[in-house]
Amino acid sequence: MRQEALQAALADSAYQASDAKQKLPAVQVLAEETAVAVTPEQWQHFETLLQKANFWQTPSCQPLGATDGAEWLLEGHQANRYHMVLRQSPGKKDAFRAGCAYLLDLSSAHKEERY
């Protein structure tokens, strides 16, 4: 299958709901989800990281066609806007990854291994 056709198939909502998608192995969640209050200083630092990553202007999806690695997804919602960015295995010095890693460091998932 050509790369463009594969990317279109993976993004297609019919595929997402299909039996093929349902037969993929389940992913085990290692940490329980929790809500964590952040200080104004932590929030300001996170906003600075988002600005460095150019989060609100970054295209949502940037498919690489890779079949392994970790997917990093960050959703942002403010009163007047919503945006999400998905990247596959961003480099350790990547500004987008730094923002995601900062949130993970504040969360109950801070001890999980990162790829």
Protein backbone atom coordinates (compact mmCIF):
# COMPACT_ATOMS: atom_id res chain seq x y z
CA MET A 1 0.00 0.00 0.00
CA ARG A 2 1.37 3.41 -0.89
CA GLN A 3 2.33 5.67 2.03
CA GLU A 4 -0.42 8.24 1.27
CA ALA A 5 -3.07 5.53 1.09
CA LEU A 6 -1.89 3.99 4.36
CA GLN A 7 -1.98 7.36 6.14
CA ALA A 8 -5.47 8.05 4.80
CA ALA A 9 -6.69 4.62 5.92
CA LEU A 10 -5.27 5.05 9.42
CA ALA A 11 -6.90 8.47 9.78
CA ASP A 12 -10.26 7.31 8.40
CA SER A 13 -13.00 7.16 11.04
CA ALA A 14 -14.47 4.01 9.45
CA TYR A 15 -11.14 2.24 9.98
CA GLN A 16 -10.97 3.46 13.56
CA ALA A 17 -14.31 1.78 14.28
CA SER A 18 -13.65 -1.32 12.19
CA ASP A 19 -13.05 -4.87 13.34
CA ALA A 20 -9.39 -4.57 12.32
CA LYS A 21 -8.85 -1.80 14.85
CA GLN A 22 -10.78 -3.70 17.53
CA LYS A 23 -8.54 -6.77 17.11
CA LEU A 24 -5.35 -4.88 17.99
CA PRO A 25 -3.83 -5.90 21.33
CA ALA A 26 -5.07 -3.93 24.31
CA VAL A 27 -2.66 -1.53 25.96
CA GLN A 28 -2.27 -1.94 29.70
CA VAL A 29 -2.45 1.28 31.69
CA LEU A 30 0.22 1.22 34.39
CA ALA A 31 -0.74 4.30 36.38
CA GLU A 32 -4.14 5.29 37.67
CA GLU A 33 -5.34 8.61 36.31
CA THR A 34 -5.44 11.36 38.87
CA ALA A 35 -6.04 15.08 38.91
CA VAL A 36 -3.14 17.17 40.17
CA ALA A 37 -3.37 20.81 41.19
CA VAL A 38 -0.57 22.97 39.84
CA THR A 39 0.78 26.18 41.28
CA PRO A 40 0.63 29.43 39.30
CA GLU A 41 4.41 29.15 38.82
CA GLN A 42 4.10 25.62 37.40
CA TRP A 43 1.33 26.79 35.07
CA GLN A 44 3.44 29.74 33.88
CA HIS A 45 6.39 27.43 33.24
CA PHE A 46 4.16 25.06 31.25
CA GLU A 47 2.79 27.95 29.17
CA THR A 48 6.37 29.01 28.44
CA LEU A 49 7.15 25.48 27.24
CA LEU A 50 4.06 25.57 24.99
CA GLN A 51 5.23 28.86 23.49
CA LYS A 52 8.71 27.43 22.81
CA ALA A 53 7.09 24.44 21.12
CA ASN A 54 4.82 26.73 19.08
CA PHE A 55 2.02 24.40 20.22
CA TRP A 56 -1.03 26.41 19.11
CA GLN A 57 0.33 26.80 15.55
CA THR A 58 1.77 23.28 15.13
CA PRO A 59 -0.08 20.95 12.72
CA SER A 60 -2.09 18.37 14.64
CA CYS A 61 -0.68 15.31 12.95
CA GLN A 62 2.67 14.62 11.34
CA PRO A 63 2.60 10.95 10.28
CA LEU A 64 5.99 9.33 9.89
CA GLY A 65 4.82 5.92 8.75
CA ALA A 66 6.79 4.24 11.54
CA THR A 67 5.40 1.07 13.06
CA ASP A 68 7.02 1.31 16.47
CA GLY A 69 7.88 3.91 19.06
CA ALA A 70 5.81 5.98 21.45
CA GLU A 71 3.04 8.36 20.50
CA TRP A 72 2.94 11.64 22.38
CA LEU A 73 -0.44 13.42 22.39
CA LEU A 74 -1.12 16.79 23.96
CA GLU A 75 -4.54 18.43 23.97
CA GLY A 76 -5.00 22.06 24.86
CA HIS A 77 -8.34 23.66 25.65
CA GLN A 78 -8.88 27.28 26.55
CA ALA A 79 -12.06 29.35 26.60
CA ASN A 80 -11.61 30.44 22.99
CA ARG A 81 -9.68 27.58 21.40
CA TYR A 82 -8.91 23.88 21.27
CA HIS A 83 -5.92 22.18 19.69
CA MET A 84 -4.24 18.80 19.79
CA VAL A 85 -0.84 17.66 18.61
CA LEU A 86 0.24 14.06 18.07
CA ARG A 87 3.86 13.13 17.43
CA GLN A 88 5.56 9.77 17.18
CA SER A 89 8.72 9.45 19.27
CA PRO A 90 9.79 13.11 19.35
CA GLY A 91 13.47 13.55 20.15
CA LYS A 92 14.55 14.06 23.74
CA LYS A 93 15.46 17.71 23.01
CA ASP A 94 12.22 18.41 21.09
CA ALA A 95 10.29 21.40 22.55
CA PHE A 96 6.94 19.60 22.16
CA ARG A 97 8.25 16.61 24.08
CA ALA A 98 9.61 18.93 26.80
CA GLY A 99 6.11 20.30 27.42
CA CYS A 100 4.60 16.83 27.57
CA ALA A 101 7.40 15.55 29.80
CA TYR A 102 6.88 18.46 32.20
CA LEU A 103 3.23 17.48 32.63
CA LEU A 104 4.22 13.85 33.12
CA ASP A 105 6.73 14.92 35.77
CA LEU A 106 3.89 16.61 37.67
CA SER A 107 1.57 13.62 37.33
CA SER A 108 1.19 10.20 38.91
CA ALA A 109 2.93 8.81 35.80
CA HIS A 110 6.21 10.57 36.60
CA LYS A 111 8.04 7.26 37.22
CA GLU A 112 6.97 5.55 33.99
CA GLU A 113 9.60 4.87 31.35
CA ARG A 114 9.53 7.25 28.39
CA TYR A 115 10.49 6.48 24.81
